N, C-alpha and C. Protein backbone atom coordinates (compact mmCIF):
# COMPACT_ATOMS: atom_id res chain seq x y z
N UNK A 1 19.27 -94.29 76.63
CA UNK A 1 18.36 -93.15 76.67
C UNK A 1 18.99 -92.00 77.47
N UNK A 2 18.78 -90.80 77.01
CA UNK A 2 19.33 -89.63 77.67
C UNK A 2 18.64 -89.38 79.01
N UNK A 3 19.41 -89.27 80.08
CA UNK A 3 18.86 -88.98 81.40
C UNK A 3 18.77 -87.46 81.58
N UNK A 4 17.61 -87.00 82.00
CA UNK A 4 17.38 -85.57 82.15
C UNK A 4 17.36 -85.14 83.62
N UNK A 5 17.90 -83.96 83.86
CA UNK A 5 17.74 -83.31 85.16
C UNK A 5 16.53 -82.40 85.08
N UNK A 6 15.68 -82.44 86.10
CA UNK A 6 14.47 -81.61 86.12
C UNK A 6 14.53 -80.66 87.30
N UNK A 7 14.35 -79.38 87.02
CA UNK A 7 14.35 -78.36 88.08
C UNK A 7 13.10 -77.52 87.97
N UNK A 8 12.36 -77.41 89.07
CA UNK A 8 11.16 -76.57 89.13
C UNK A 8 11.48 -75.34 89.97
N UNK A 9 11.34 -74.17 89.38
CA UNK A 9 11.62 -72.92 90.08
C UNK A 9 10.30 -72.23 90.42
N UNK A 10 10.11 -71.91 91.70
CA UNK A 10 8.87 -71.28 92.16
C UNK A 10 9.00 -69.75 92.08
N UNK A 11 7.87 -69.04 92.07
CA UNK A 11 7.93 -67.58 92.05
C UNK A 11 8.71 -66.99 93.22
N UNK A 12 8.74 -67.67 94.37
CA UNK A 12 9.51 -67.19 95.52
C UNK A 12 11.01 -67.16 95.23
N UNK A 13 11.44 -67.94 94.26
CA UNK A 13 12.86 -68.01 93.91
C UNK A 13 13.24 -67.03 92.81
N UNK A 14 12.26 -66.39 92.19
CA UNK A 14 12.57 -65.39 91.16
C UNK A 14 13.22 -64.17 91.82
N UNK A 15 13.98 -63.41 91.04
CA UNK A 15 14.73 -62.26 91.57
C UNK A 15 14.34 -60.98 90.84
N UNK A 16 14.12 -59.91 91.60
CA UNK A 16 13.83 -58.61 91.01
C UNK A 16 15.14 -57.87 90.76
N UNK A 17 15.39 -57.52 89.50
CA UNK A 17 16.63 -56.83 89.15
C UNK A 17 16.31 -55.59 88.33
N UNK A 18 17.13 -54.53 88.45
CA UNK A 18 16.89 -53.32 87.67
C UNK A 18 17.21 -53.53 86.19
N UNK A 19 16.51 -52.78 85.34
CA UNK A 19 16.84 -52.82 83.92
C UNK A 19 18.25 -52.28 83.72
N UNK A 20 18.87 -52.72 82.65
CA UNK A 20 20.22 -52.28 82.34
C UNK A 20 20.28 -50.76 82.14
N UNK A 21 19.19 -50.19 81.60
CA UNK A 21 19.15 -48.74 81.36
C UNK A 21 18.58 -47.96 82.55
N UNK A 22 18.22 -48.68 83.62
CA UNK A 22 17.76 -48.02 84.83
C UNK A 22 16.34 -47.49 84.79
N UNK A 23 15.58 -47.81 83.74
CA UNK A 23 14.24 -47.23 83.58
C UNK A 23 13.12 -48.11 84.12
N UNK A 24 13.47 -49.21 84.76
CA UNK A 24 12.44 -50.09 85.30
C UNK A 24 13.08 -51.30 85.96
N UNK A 25 12.25 -52.31 86.24
CA UNK A 25 12.73 -53.53 86.88
C UNK A 25 12.22 -54.76 86.13
N UNK A 26 12.96 -55.82 86.22
CA UNK A 26 12.62 -57.09 85.60
C UNK A 26 12.62 -58.19 86.66
N UNK A 27 11.67 -59.11 86.53
CA UNK A 27 11.69 -60.30 87.38
C UNK A 27 12.48 -61.38 86.66
N UNK A 28 13.64 -61.71 87.21
CA UNK A 28 14.49 -62.72 86.60
C UNK A 28 14.07 -64.10 87.07
N UNK A 29 13.65 -64.96 86.14
CA UNK A 29 13.21 -66.31 86.49
C UNK A 29 14.38 -67.27 86.58
N UNK A 30 15.33 -67.12 85.67
CA UNK A 30 16.49 -68.02 85.65
C UNK A 30 17.58 -67.41 84.78
N UNK A 31 18.83 -67.76 85.12
CA UNK A 31 19.98 -67.28 84.36
C UNK A 31 21.04 -68.39 84.37
N UNK A 32 21.86 -68.43 83.34
CA UNK A 32 22.89 -69.45 83.24
C UNK A 32 23.83 -69.38 84.44
N UNK A 33 24.41 -70.51 84.81
CA UNK A 33 25.29 -70.59 85.98
C UNK A 33 26.40 -69.55 85.89
N UNK A 34 26.55 -68.78 86.96
CA UNK A 34 27.59 -67.76 87.01
C UNK A 34 27.27 -66.51 86.22
N UNK A 35 26.07 -66.46 85.65
CA UNK A 35 25.70 -65.32 84.81
C UNK A 35 25.37 -64.07 85.61
N UNK A 36 25.63 -62.92 85.00
CA UNK A 36 25.26 -61.62 85.56
C UNK A 36 24.58 -60.81 84.46
N UNK A 37 24.07 -59.65 84.81
CA UNK A 37 23.34 -58.84 83.84
C UNK A 37 24.19 -58.48 82.63
N UNK A 38 25.50 -58.40 82.82
CA UNK A 38 26.40 -57.99 81.74
C UNK A 38 27.04 -59.17 81.01
N UNK A 39 26.89 -60.39 81.56
CA UNK A 39 27.58 -61.52 80.94
C UNK A 39 26.86 -62.82 81.30
N UNK A 40 26.15 -63.39 80.35
CA UNK A 40 25.43 -64.63 80.59
C UNK A 40 25.30 -65.40 79.28
N UNK A 41 25.05 -66.70 79.39
CA UNK A 41 24.81 -67.52 78.20
C UNK A 41 23.34 -67.49 77.81
N UNK A 42 22.46 -67.49 78.83
CA UNK A 42 21.02 -67.38 78.60
C UNK A 42 20.36 -66.78 79.83
N UNK A 43 19.21 -66.17 79.62
CA UNK A 43 18.48 -65.54 80.73
C UNK A 43 16.99 -65.47 80.38
N UNK A 44 16.14 -65.84 81.35
CA UNK A 44 14.69 -65.75 81.20
C UNK A 44 14.15 -64.77 82.23
N UNK A 45 13.27 -63.87 81.79
CA UNK A 45 12.76 -62.86 82.71
C UNK A 45 11.38 -62.37 82.26
N UNK A 46 10.70 -61.70 83.18
CA UNK A 46 9.40 -61.08 82.90
C UNK A 46 9.48 -59.61 83.29
N UNK A 47 9.05 -58.74 82.37
CA UNK A 47 9.11 -57.30 82.63
C UNK A 47 7.74 -56.66 82.48
N UNK A 48 7.46 -55.68 83.32
CA UNK A 48 6.28 -54.83 83.17
C UNK A 48 6.71 -53.57 82.44
N UNK A 49 6.02 -53.23 81.38
CA UNK A 49 6.31 -52.01 80.64
C UNK A 49 5.12 -51.07 80.82
N UNK A 50 5.37 -49.96 81.50
CA UNK A 50 4.29 -49.03 81.84
C UNK A 50 4.33 -47.75 81.02
N UNK A 51 5.45 -47.52 80.33
CA UNK A 51 5.59 -46.30 79.52
C UNK A 51 6.33 -46.62 78.23
N UNK A 52 6.13 -45.77 77.23
CA UNK A 52 6.91 -45.89 76.00
C UNK A 52 8.37 -45.61 76.33
N UNK A 53 9.29 -46.23 75.59
CA UNK A 53 10.69 -45.94 75.85
C UNK A 53 11.64 -46.84 75.09
N UNK A 54 12.92 -46.53 75.20
CA UNK A 54 13.95 -47.29 74.51
C UNK A 54 14.33 -48.53 75.31
N UNK A 55 14.67 -49.59 74.60
CA UNK A 55 15.12 -50.82 75.23
C UNK A 55 16.61 -50.73 75.58
N UNK A 56 17.02 -51.50 76.57
CA UNK A 56 18.43 -51.57 76.93
C UNK A 56 19.24 -52.17 75.79
N UNK A 57 20.51 -51.81 75.75
CA UNK A 57 21.42 -52.35 74.74
C UNK A 57 21.95 -53.72 75.21
N UNK A 58 21.64 -54.76 74.46
CA UNK A 58 22.18 -56.09 74.74
C UNK A 58 22.91 -56.60 73.50
N UNK A 59 23.90 -55.85 73.08
CA UNK A 59 24.72 -56.25 71.93
C UNK A 59 25.37 -57.60 72.21
N UNK A 60 25.35 -58.48 71.21
CA UNK A 60 25.91 -59.82 71.37
C UNK A 60 24.88 -60.85 71.79
N UNK A 61 23.63 -60.40 71.97
CA UNK A 61 22.57 -61.31 72.42
C UNK A 61 21.40 -61.31 71.44
N UNK A 62 20.74 -62.46 71.35
CA UNK A 62 19.50 -62.59 70.60
C UNK A 62 18.35 -62.45 71.59
N UNK A 63 17.32 -61.69 71.20
CA UNK A 63 16.17 -61.51 72.08
C UNK A 63 14.91 -62.11 71.48
N UNK A 64 14.15 -62.81 72.31
CA UNK A 64 12.81 -63.27 71.98
C UNK A 64 11.89 -62.67 73.03
N UNK A 65 10.93 -61.88 72.62
CA UNK A 65 10.05 -61.18 73.55
C UNK A 65 8.61 -61.60 73.29
N UNK A 66 7.95 -62.11 74.34
CA UNK A 66 6.60 -62.67 74.21
C UNK A 66 5.61 -61.82 75.01
N UNK A 67 4.52 -61.41 74.37
CA UNK A 67 3.47 -60.65 75.07
C UNK A 67 2.67 -61.60 75.96
N UNK A 68 2.64 -61.33 77.28
CA UNK A 68 1.90 -62.23 78.17
C UNK A 68 0.76 -61.52 78.93
N UNK A 69 0.67 -60.21 78.78
CA UNK A 69 -0.44 -59.49 79.43
C UNK A 69 -0.54 -58.10 78.81
N UNK A 70 -1.77 -57.60 78.65
CA UNK A 70 -1.97 -56.25 78.16
C UNK A 70 -2.47 -56.18 76.73
N UNK A 71 -2.63 -54.95 76.23
CA UNK A 71 -3.29 -54.71 74.95
C UNK A 71 -2.35 -54.52 73.77
N UNK A 72 -1.08 -54.74 73.99
CA UNK A 72 -0.20 -54.72 72.83
C UNK A 72 0.99 -53.79 72.96
N UNK A 73 2.01 -54.08 72.16
CA UNK A 73 3.25 -53.32 72.17
C UNK A 73 3.82 -53.32 70.75
N UNK A 74 4.24 -52.14 70.30
CA UNK A 74 4.88 -52.02 68.99
C UNK A 74 6.36 -51.74 69.19
N UNK A 75 7.20 -52.54 68.55
CA UNK A 75 8.64 -52.39 68.68
C UNK A 75 9.22 -51.89 67.36
N UNK A 76 9.78 -50.70 67.41
CA UNK A 76 10.46 -50.11 66.25
C UNK A 76 11.96 -50.26 66.48
N UNK A 77 12.61 -51.08 65.65
CA UNK A 77 14.02 -51.37 65.85
C UNK A 77 14.93 -50.33 65.18
N UNK A 78 14.30 -49.35 64.55
CA UNK A 78 15.01 -48.22 63.93
C UNK A 78 16.02 -48.66 62.88
N UNK A 79 15.70 -49.78 62.26
CA UNK A 79 16.52 -50.25 61.14
C UNK A 79 15.62 -50.67 59.98
N UNK A 80 14.36 -50.23 60.06
CA UNK A 80 13.36 -50.61 59.06
C UNK A 80 12.45 -51.73 59.50
N UNK A 81 12.84 -52.45 60.57
CA UNK A 81 12.03 -53.55 61.08
C UNK A 81 11.12 -53.09 62.21
N UNK A 82 9.85 -53.51 62.15
CA UNK A 82 8.87 -53.19 63.19
C UNK A 82 8.13 -54.47 63.57
N UNK A 83 8.03 -54.75 64.87
CA UNK A 83 7.25 -55.88 65.37
C UNK A 83 6.03 -55.35 66.11
N UNK A 84 4.86 -55.88 65.76
CA UNK A 84 3.63 -55.50 66.44
C UNK A 84 3.11 -56.69 67.22
N UNK A 85 3.17 -56.59 68.55
CA UNK A 85 2.64 -57.64 69.42
C UNK A 85 1.23 -57.24 69.83
N UNK A 86 0.24 -57.91 69.27
CA UNK A 86 -1.15 -57.51 69.49
C UNK A 86 -1.94 -58.55 70.27
N UNK A 87 -1.60 -59.81 70.11
CA UNK A 87 -2.34 -60.90 70.74
C UNK A 87 -1.48 -61.59 71.79
N UNK A 88 -2.14 -62.22 72.77
CA UNK A 88 -1.44 -62.97 73.79
C UNK A 88 -0.51 -64.00 73.16
N UNK A 89 0.72 -64.04 73.63
CA UNK A 89 1.77 -64.96 73.20
C UNK A 89 2.33 -64.65 71.80
N UNK A 90 2.03 -63.46 71.26
CA UNK A 90 2.75 -63.00 70.07
C UNK A 90 4.23 -62.85 70.44
N UNK A 91 5.12 -63.14 69.49
CA UNK A 91 6.56 -63.15 69.76
C UNK A 91 7.30 -62.23 68.79
N UNK A 92 8.22 -61.44 69.34
CA UNK A 92 9.14 -60.64 68.53
C UNK A 92 10.53 -61.22 68.71
N UNK A 93 11.25 -61.39 67.59
CA UNK A 93 12.62 -61.91 67.62
C UNK A 93 13.53 -60.86 67.01
N UNK A 94 14.54 -60.41 67.79
CA UNK A 94 15.38 -59.34 67.27
C UNK A 94 16.74 -59.33 67.94
N UNK A 95 17.67 -58.63 67.31
CA UNK A 95 19.04 -58.52 67.80
C UNK A 95 19.08 -57.57 68.99
N UNK A 96 19.74 -58.00 70.06
CA UNK A 96 19.81 -57.18 71.26
C UNK A 96 20.56 -55.87 71.06
N UNK A 97 21.31 -55.76 69.96
CA UNK A 97 22.03 -54.52 69.67
C UNK A 97 21.15 -53.48 68.97
N UNK A 98 19.95 -53.89 68.56
CA UNK A 98 19.04 -52.95 67.88
C UNK A 98 18.67 -51.79 68.79
N UNK A 99 18.52 -50.63 68.22
CA UNK A 99 18.11 -49.45 68.99
C UNK A 99 16.59 -49.43 69.09
N UNK A 100 16.07 -50.45 69.76
CA UNK A 100 14.63 -50.71 69.80
C UNK A 100 13.88 -49.73 70.69
N UNK A 101 12.77 -49.21 70.15
CA UNK A 101 11.87 -48.33 70.92
C UNK A 101 10.52 -49.04 71.05
N UNK A 102 10.01 -49.12 72.27
CA UNK A 102 8.72 -49.75 72.51
C UNK A 102 7.63 -48.73 72.73
N UNK A 103 6.51 -48.90 72.01
CA UNK A 103 5.35 -48.00 72.16
C UNK A 103 4.13 -48.83 72.56
N UNK A 104 3.53 -48.48 73.69
CA UNK A 104 2.36 -49.19 74.18
C UNK A 104 1.14 -48.87 73.31
N UNK A 105 0.29 -49.87 73.08
CA UNK A 105 -0.91 -49.67 72.27
C UNK A 105 -2.02 -49.03 73.08
N UNK A 106 -2.27 -49.58 74.27
CA UNK A 106 -3.33 -49.04 75.13
C UNK A 106 -3.11 -49.52 76.56
N UNK A 107 -2.24 -48.82 77.28
CA UNK A 107 -1.96 -49.20 78.65
C UNK A 107 -0.78 -50.13 78.77
N UNK A 108 -0.37 -50.40 80.02
CA UNK A 108 0.81 -51.19 80.30
C UNK A 108 0.69 -52.65 79.87
N UNK A 109 1.83 -53.29 79.70
CA UNK A 109 1.87 -54.70 79.30
C UNK A 109 2.90 -55.44 80.15
N UNK A 110 2.88 -56.76 80.06
CA UNK A 110 3.96 -57.58 80.59
C UNK A 110 4.50 -58.43 79.46
N UNK A 111 5.82 -58.62 79.46
CA UNK A 111 6.41 -59.47 78.45
C UNK A 111 7.37 -60.47 79.09
N UNK A 112 7.49 -61.59 78.42
CA UNK A 112 8.40 -62.67 78.83
C UNK A 112 9.60 -62.59 77.89
N UNK A 113 10.81 -62.45 78.48
CA UNK A 113 12.01 -62.27 77.69
C UNK A 113 12.90 -63.50 77.73
N UNK A 114 13.36 -63.92 76.57
CA UNK A 114 14.36 -64.97 76.47
C UNK A 114 15.57 -64.36 75.76
N UNK A 115 16.69 -64.25 76.47
CA UNK A 115 17.89 -63.69 75.88
C UNK A 115 18.99 -64.74 75.85
N UNK A 116 19.66 -64.86 74.72
CA UNK A 116 20.71 -65.86 74.56
C UNK A 116 21.95 -65.23 73.94
N UNK A 117 23.11 -65.62 74.45
CA UNK A 117 24.37 -65.17 73.86
C UNK A 117 24.46 -65.75 72.45
N UNK A 118 24.70 -64.87 71.47
CA UNK A 118 24.68 -65.31 70.07
C UNK A 118 25.80 -66.30 69.74
N UNK A 119 26.82 -66.38 70.59
CA UNK A 119 27.91 -67.32 70.37
C UNK A 119 27.71 -68.64 71.10
N UNK A 120 26.65 -68.73 71.92
CA UNK A 120 26.47 -69.90 72.78
C UNK A 120 25.28 -70.77 72.42
N UNK A 121 24.09 -70.15 72.30
CA UNK A 121 22.86 -70.93 72.12
C UNK A 121 22.02 -70.41 70.97
N UNK A 122 21.27 -71.33 70.36
CA UNK A 122 20.26 -71.00 69.36
C UNK A 122 18.89 -71.22 70.01
N UNK A 123 18.07 -70.16 70.15
CA UNK A 123 16.78 -70.32 70.82
C UNK A 123 15.65 -70.69 69.87
N UNK A 124 14.76 -71.55 70.35
CA UNK A 124 13.50 -71.85 69.66
C UNK A 124 12.38 -71.61 70.65
N UNK A 125 11.60 -70.57 70.41
CA UNK A 125 10.56 -70.13 71.35
C UNK A 125 9.19 -70.22 70.68
N UNK A 126 8.25 -70.88 71.36
CA UNK A 126 6.90 -71.04 70.81
C UNK A 126 5.86 -70.76 71.88
N UNK A 127 4.73 -70.19 71.47
CA UNK A 127 3.61 -69.96 72.37
C UNK A 127 2.41 -70.79 71.94
N UNK A 128 1.70 -71.34 72.91
CA UNK A 128 0.56 -72.21 72.62
C UNK A 128 -0.66 -71.75 73.42
N UNK A 129 -1.67 -71.25 72.70
CA UNK A 129 -2.89 -70.75 73.36
C UNK A 129 -3.83 -71.89 73.74
N UNK A 130 -4.13 -72.75 72.77
CA UNK A 130 -5.10 -73.82 72.97
C UNK A 130 -4.52 -74.97 73.79
N UNK A 131 -5.38 -75.67 74.52
CA UNK A 131 -4.97 -76.86 75.26
C UNK A 131 -4.42 -77.90 74.28
N UNK A 132 -3.21 -78.37 74.53
CA UNK A 132 -2.60 -79.34 73.63
C UNK A 132 -1.38 -79.97 74.27
N UNK A 133 -0.86 -80.99 73.61
CA UNK A 133 0.39 -81.64 74.04
C UNK A 133 1.46 -81.36 73.00
N UNK A 134 2.56 -80.79 73.47
CA UNK A 134 3.69 -80.46 72.60
C UNK A 134 4.80 -81.47 72.83
N UNK A 135 5.33 -82.04 71.76
CA UNK A 135 6.39 -83.04 71.85
C UNK A 135 7.72 -82.43 71.41
N UNK A 136 8.74 -82.57 72.26
CA UNK A 136 10.06 -82.00 71.97
C UNK A 136 11.13 -83.07 72.17
N UNK A 137 12.04 -83.17 71.22
CA UNK A 137 13.18 -84.08 71.36
C UNK A 137 14.33 -83.31 72.00
N UNK A 138 14.66 -83.66 73.23
CA UNK A 138 15.72 -82.97 73.97
C UNK A 138 17.03 -83.72 73.78
N UNK A 139 18.06 -83.02 73.30
CA UNK A 139 19.37 -83.61 73.09
C UNK A 139 20.28 -83.29 74.27
N UNK A 140 21.43 -83.96 74.30
CA UNK A 140 22.35 -83.81 75.44
C UNK A 140 22.89 -82.38 75.57
N UNK A 141 22.97 -81.66 74.43
CA UNK A 141 23.54 -80.31 74.49
C UNK A 141 22.46 -79.23 74.38
N UNK A 142 21.25 -79.52 74.87
CA UNK A 142 20.18 -78.53 74.81
C UNK A 142 19.46 -78.41 76.15
N UNK A 143 18.73 -77.32 76.30
CA UNK A 143 17.92 -77.06 77.49
C UNK A 143 16.48 -76.87 77.06
N UNK A 144 15.55 -77.31 77.90
CA UNK A 144 14.13 -77.13 77.63
C UNK A 144 13.47 -76.46 78.83
N UNK A 145 12.71 -75.40 78.56
CA UNK A 145 11.96 -74.69 79.60
C UNK A 145 10.49 -74.64 79.19
N UNK A 146 9.60 -74.60 80.19
CA UNK A 146 8.18 -74.39 79.92
C UNK A 146 7.58 -73.55 81.05
N UNK A 147 6.63 -72.68 80.66
CA UNK A 147 6.00 -71.74 81.62
C UNK A 147 4.57 -71.53 81.17
N UNK A 148 3.63 -71.58 82.11
CA UNK A 148 2.21 -71.39 81.79
C UNK A 148 1.66 -70.13 82.46
N UNK A 149 0.83 -69.41 81.71
CA UNK A 149 0.24 -68.16 82.22
C UNK A 149 -1.00 -68.40 83.07
N UNK A 150 -1.78 -69.44 82.76
CA UNK A 150 -3.10 -69.55 83.38
C UNK A 150 -3.45 -70.91 83.97
N UNK A 151 -2.82 -71.99 83.50
CA UNK A 151 -3.20 -73.33 83.93
C UNK A 151 -1.96 -74.15 84.26
N UNK A 152 -2.13 -75.16 85.10
CA UNK A 152 -0.98 -76.00 85.39
C UNK A 152 -0.65 -76.86 84.17
N UNK A 153 0.61 -77.21 84.05
CA UNK A 153 1.08 -78.05 82.95
C UNK A 153 1.43 -79.44 83.48
N UNK A 154 1.44 -80.39 82.56
CA UNK A 154 1.96 -81.72 82.86
C UNK A 154 3.13 -81.97 81.94
N UNK A 155 4.24 -82.41 82.52
CA UNK A 155 5.45 -82.68 81.74
C UNK A 155 5.90 -84.10 82.01
N UNK A 156 6.09 -84.88 80.95
CA UNK A 156 6.63 -86.22 81.15
C UNK A 156 7.62 -86.54 80.03
N UNK A 157 8.56 -87.42 80.34
CA UNK A 157 9.60 -87.76 79.38
C UNK A 157 9.63 -89.26 79.17
N UNK A 158 10.34 -89.66 78.12
CA UNK A 158 10.40 -91.09 77.78
C UNK A 158 11.23 -91.90 78.76
N UNK A 159 11.93 -91.21 79.68
CA UNK A 159 12.74 -91.95 80.65
C UNK A 159 11.92 -92.46 81.83
N UNK A 160 10.66 -91.98 81.93
CA UNK A 160 9.84 -92.38 83.08
C UNK A 160 8.36 -92.32 82.73
N UNK A 161 7.59 -93.19 83.35
CA UNK A 161 6.14 -93.16 83.16
C UNK A 161 5.50 -92.09 84.03
N UNK A 162 6.22 -91.62 85.04
CA UNK A 162 5.69 -90.58 85.91
C UNK A 162 5.68 -89.23 85.17
N UNK A 163 4.85 -88.33 85.64
CA UNK A 163 4.83 -86.99 85.06
C UNK A 163 5.00 -85.96 86.16
N UNK A 164 5.45 -84.78 85.77
CA UNK A 164 5.65 -83.68 86.70
C UNK A 164 4.54 -82.65 86.50
N UNK A 165 3.92 -82.23 87.58
CA UNK A 165 2.90 -81.18 87.51
C UNK A 165 3.56 -79.83 87.78
N UNK A 166 3.33 -78.88 86.87
CA UNK A 166 3.94 -77.56 86.98
C UNK A 166 2.84 -76.53 87.24
N UNK A 167 2.78 -75.94 88.46
CA UNK A 167 1.74 -74.96 88.76
C UNK A 167 1.87 -73.70 87.90
N UNK A 168 0.79 -72.95 87.83
CA UNK A 168 0.79 -71.67 87.10
C UNK A 168 1.91 -70.77 87.64
N UNK A 169 2.61 -70.13 86.72
CA UNK A 169 3.62 -69.15 87.13
C UNK A 169 4.92 -69.75 87.63
N UNK A 170 5.08 -71.07 87.54
CA UNK A 170 6.33 -71.73 87.89
C UNK A 170 7.09 -72.04 86.60
N UNK A 171 8.40 -72.16 86.71
CA UNK A 171 9.24 -72.46 85.55
C UNK A 171 9.85 -73.84 85.70
N UNK A 172 9.70 -74.67 84.67
CA UNK A 172 10.35 -75.98 84.68
C UNK A 172 11.50 -75.97 83.68
N UNK A 173 12.60 -76.58 84.09
CA UNK A 173 13.80 -76.67 83.25
C UNK A 173 14.22 -78.14 83.17
N UNK A 174 14.45 -78.62 81.97
CA UNK A 174 14.93 -79.98 81.76
C UNK A 174 16.25 -79.90 81.01
N UNK A 175 17.25 -80.60 81.51
CA UNK A 175 18.57 -80.51 80.89
C UNK A 175 19.35 -81.79 81.09
N UNK A 176 20.33 -82.00 80.22
CA UNK A 176 21.25 -83.12 80.36
C UNK A 176 22.67 -82.60 80.37
N UNK A 177 23.06 -81.90 79.28
CA UNK A 177 24.39 -81.32 79.16
C UNK A 177 25.46 -82.35 79.55
N UNK A 178 25.32 -83.55 79.02
CA UNK A 178 26.21 -84.65 79.35
C UNK A 178 26.95 -85.12 78.11
N UNK A 179 28.24 -84.88 78.08
CA UNK A 179 29.05 -85.22 76.90
C UNK A 179 29.01 -86.72 76.59
N UNK A 180 28.85 -87.55 77.62
CA UNK A 180 28.85 -89.00 77.41
C UNK A 180 27.59 -89.50 76.70
N UNK A 181 26.57 -88.65 76.64
CA UNK A 181 25.31 -89.03 75.99
C UNK A 181 25.01 -88.11 74.80
N UNK A 182 26.07 -87.65 74.16
CA UNK A 182 25.98 -86.61 73.14
C UNK A 182 25.00 -86.93 72.02
N UNK A 183 24.96 -88.18 71.59
CA UNK A 183 24.14 -88.53 70.44
C UNK A 183 22.78 -89.12 70.83
N UNK A 184 22.46 -89.05 72.10
CA UNK A 184 21.18 -89.59 72.56
C UNK A 184 20.16 -88.46 72.72
N UNK A 185 18.89 -88.84 72.84
CA UNK A 185 17.84 -87.85 73.05
C UNK A 185 16.77 -88.41 73.97
N UNK A 186 15.94 -87.53 74.46
CA UNK A 186 14.82 -87.93 75.31
C UNK A 186 13.59 -87.18 74.80
N UNK A 187 12.52 -87.90 74.57
CA UNK A 187 11.29 -87.28 74.07
C UNK A 187 10.48 -86.76 75.26
N UNK A 188 10.24 -85.45 75.27
CA UNK A 188 9.50 -84.81 76.35
C UNK A 188 8.16 -84.30 75.82
N UNK A 189 7.12 -84.53 76.61
CA UNK A 189 5.79 -84.04 76.24
C UNK A 189 5.32 -83.03 77.28
N UNK A 190 4.90 -81.87 76.80
CA UNK A 190 4.40 -80.79 77.66
C UNK A 190 2.94 -80.57 77.31
N UNK A 191 2.05 -80.73 78.31
CA UNK A 191 0.61 -80.59 78.08
C UNK A 191 0.08 -79.39 78.85
N UNK A 192 -0.68 -78.53 78.16
CA UNK A 192 -1.26 -77.37 78.82
C UNK A 192 -1.80 -76.39 77.80
N UNK A 193 -2.12 -75.19 78.27
CA UNK A 193 -2.55 -74.11 77.37
C UNK A 193 -2.00 -72.79 77.89
N UNK A 194 -2.04 -71.78 77.03
CA UNK A 194 -1.45 -70.47 77.37
C UNK A 194 -0.04 -70.65 77.94
N UNK A 195 0.76 -71.41 77.21
CA UNK A 195 2.10 -71.75 77.71
C UNK A 195 3.19 -71.36 76.70
N UNK A 196 4.37 -71.13 77.25
CA UNK A 196 5.55 -70.82 76.46
C UNK A 196 6.52 -71.99 76.60
N UNK A 197 6.97 -72.52 75.47
CA UNK A 197 7.92 -73.62 75.46
C UNK A 197 9.19 -73.13 74.77
N UNK A 198 10.32 -73.31 75.45
CA UNK A 198 11.60 -72.75 75.00
C UNK A 198 12.64 -73.86 74.92
N UNK A 199 13.27 -74.01 73.78
CA UNK A 199 14.40 -74.93 73.66
C UNK A 199 15.64 -74.12 73.28
N UNK A 200 16.70 -74.31 74.03
CA UNK A 200 17.97 -73.66 73.75
C UNK A 200 18.97 -74.72 73.31
N UNK A 201 19.44 -74.60 72.08
CA UNK A 201 20.37 -75.59 71.54
C UNK A 201 21.77 -75.00 71.50
N UNK A 202 22.72 -75.77 72.03
CA UNK A 202 24.10 -75.32 72.06
C UNK A 202 24.62 -75.16 70.64
N UNK A 203 25.31 -74.04 70.38
CA UNK A 203 25.84 -73.78 69.05
C UNK A 203 27.01 -74.67 68.73
């Protein structure tokens, strides 16, 4: 059975960093080892958007943007594609090189950002409003994250009968990244509501 490493990151450990375009700030929850704003394999962050404006250029990266607070955001990628985030946990998926313009629907919003290097990871991002248990098969070359907006989560894996309690606003990361267990997996169950579950699979 695949042995998993579990890391719980508290809000005190999050980092406030300026936007790449200098027009605001982002709360960085986690970033790949050795990563910086200009060079990373993956990055998770939360941003407050208070005004309409252009998004930073993240050419070479895939973006998943989740609405976590506010009345909505419309993203015009200026290539014919438009994403309308109207409901809590609506998700927009787009190329970081897009000349994306964000327009607020009615007042400021907060969004949860998952950015991945297009040559490194394939992201799978899902939002769950209703109370439920989500089952994910974690492989040796993948990462699993979970974050809840309103309620604590319970996370348990097939390697142990114990479960981990994740408070609201904390980030849990489960990983193996062990070449010796390449073909093995571990079944992880995440229970909660108003939560974001993210799996990053190595390309």
